[in-house]
Amino acid sequence: TNPDNLSVGDWFKFKVDGGEEQRRPVRLIFITPRKTRFVFCDRGEKDYIDCTRSEIARRLRTAELELREAPKFDFRIESRSREEDFAALLAIIDRVRPTRT
């Protein structure tokens, strides 16, 4: 996907570095006239992420590769919080664990 196709108001999920890496929803709120920088904010408009064109292109390529790999897996966990992710993992284990009779 080409960064030129992005529009202000589009929503994405970004991996955000920090104490625990997770994907967070962010909205594109500003694109410079030459489309060299892209500014995103979270739902609460408290955190802002400023990305270069090359960083956005890299993120879009990575997302495309991840989506192409998805059919190879039986289960998918959409990352939210650590606790929600762990609960989703336990639910998968319960579904696939053989029942004892």
Protein backbone atom coordinates (compact mmCIF):
# COMPACT_ATOMS: atom_id res chain seq x y z
CA THR A 1 0.00 0.00 0.00
CA ASN A 2 1.21 3.44 -0.90
CA PRO A 3 1.24 6.27 1.68
CA ASP A 4 -0.26 8.51 -1.02
CA ASN A 5 -3.52 6.57 -0.63
CA LEU A 6 -3.94 7.53 3.04
CA SER A 7 -6.50 10.15 4.05
CA VAL A 8 -6.98 12.25 7.14
CA GLY A 9 -9.55 10.49 9.31
CA ASP A 10 -8.40 6.95 8.43
CA TRP A 11 -8.02 4.59 11.40
CA PHE A 12 -5.14 2.15 11.90
CA LYS A 13 -3.72 -0.11 14.58
CA PHE A 14 -0.11 0.67 15.36
CA LYS A 15 2.36 -1.31 17.37
CA VAL A 16 3.45 1.09 20.05
CA ASP A 17 6.73 0.56 21.89
CA GLY A 18 6.74 0.97 25.61
CA GLY A 19 6.48 -1.14 28.73
CA GLU A 20 4.56 -3.75 26.77
CA GLU A 21 4.30 -3.73 23.01
CA GLN A 22 0.72 -3.73 21.83
CA ARG A 23 -1.37 -2.55 18.93
CA ARG A 24 -3.39 0.56 19.58
CA PRO A 25 -6.02 2.24 17.42
CA VAL A 26 -4.83 5.56 16.02
CA ARG A 27 -6.40 8.04 13.62
CA LEU A 28 -4.53 9.95 10.94
CA ILE A 29 -5.08 13.63 11.77
CA PHE A 30 -2.56 15.49 9.61
CA ILE A 31 -0.49 15.00 6.45
CA THR A 32 2.08 17.58 5.40
CA PRO A 33 1.43 19.11 1.95
CA ARG A 34 4.32 17.17 0.37
CA LYS A 35 3.20 13.98 2.18
CA THR A 36 6.54 13.63 3.94
CA ARG A 37 5.15 13.41 7.50
CA PHE A 38 2.02 11.85 8.92
CA VAL A 39 0.60 12.60 12.37
CA PHE A 40 -1.67 10.17 14.22
CA CYS A 41 -3.46 10.39 17.56
CA ASP A 42 -5.05 7.86 19.86
CA ARG A 43 -8.78 7.73 20.67
CA GLY A 44 -8.41 10.06 23.63
CA GLU A 45 -6.28 12.48 21.60
CA LYS A 46 -3.68 12.38 24.37
CA ASP A 47 -0.85 10.62 22.55
CA TYR A 48 0.44 11.65 19.15
CA ILE A 49 2.65 9.70 16.76
CA ASP A 50 4.63 11.56 14.11
CA CYS A 51 5.86 9.32 11.27
CA THR A 52 7.98 9.92 8.20
CA ARG A 53 6.83 8.75 4.80
CA SER A 54 9.38 5.91 4.83
CA GLU A 55 8.20 4.75 8.26
CA ILE A 56 4.57 4.68 7.10
CA ALA A 57 5.58 2.74 3.97
CA ARG A 58 7.46 0.22 6.17
CA ARG A 59 4.50 -0.17 8.53
CA LEU A 60 2.12 -0.73 5.61
CA ARG A 61 4.43 -3.36 4.05
CA THR A 62 4.72 -5.15 7.40
CA ALA A 63 0.93 -5.15 7.82
CA GLU A 64 0.44 -6.60 4.33
CA LEU A 65 2.92 -9.38 5.07
CA GLU A 66 1.23 -10.19 8.38
CA LEU A 67 -2.20 -10.33 6.72
CA ARG A 68 -0.88 -12.69 4.02
CA GLU A 69 0.36 -15.08 6.71
CA ALA A 70 -2.92 -15.12 8.65
CA PRO A 71 -4.51 -18.07 6.77
CA LYS A 72 -1.63 -20.30 7.89
CA PHE A 73 -2.82 -20.18 11.49
CA ASP A 74 -5.79 -21.87 13.15
CA PHE A 75 -6.28 -19.14 15.74
CA ARG A 76 -5.73 -15.41 15.95
CA ILE A 77 -5.53 -13.12 18.94
CA GLU A 78 -6.07 -9.44 18.27
CA SER A 79 -3.85 -7.74 20.79
CA ARG A 80 -5.52 -5.53 23.35
CA SER A 81 -4.24 -5.48 26.93
CA ARG A 82 -1.93 -8.08 28.45
CA GLU A 83 -4.80 -9.46 30.54
CA GLU A 84 -7.20 -9.69 27.58
CA ASP A 85 -4.55 -11.33 25.42
CA PHE A 86 -3.80 -13.90 28.13
CA ALA A 87 -7.52 -14.65 28.58
CA ALA A 88 -7.87 -15.13 24.81
CA LEU A 89 -4.90 -17.52 24.84
CA LEU A 90 -6.41 -19.54 27.71
CA ALA A 91 -9.71 -19.75 25.82
CA ILE A 92 -7.89 -21.18 22.79
CA ILE A 93 -6.09 -23.73 24.97
CA ASP A 94 -9.41 -24.78 26.51
CA ARG A 95 -10.93 -25.25 23.03
CA VAL A 96 -8.14 -27.46 21.72
CA ARG A 97 -7.31 -29.37 24.90
CA PRO A 98 -8.65 -32.91 24.72
CA THR A 99 -11.39 -33.57 27.23
CA ARG A 100 -10.69 -36.27 29.80
CA THR A 101 -13.25 -38.97 30.26
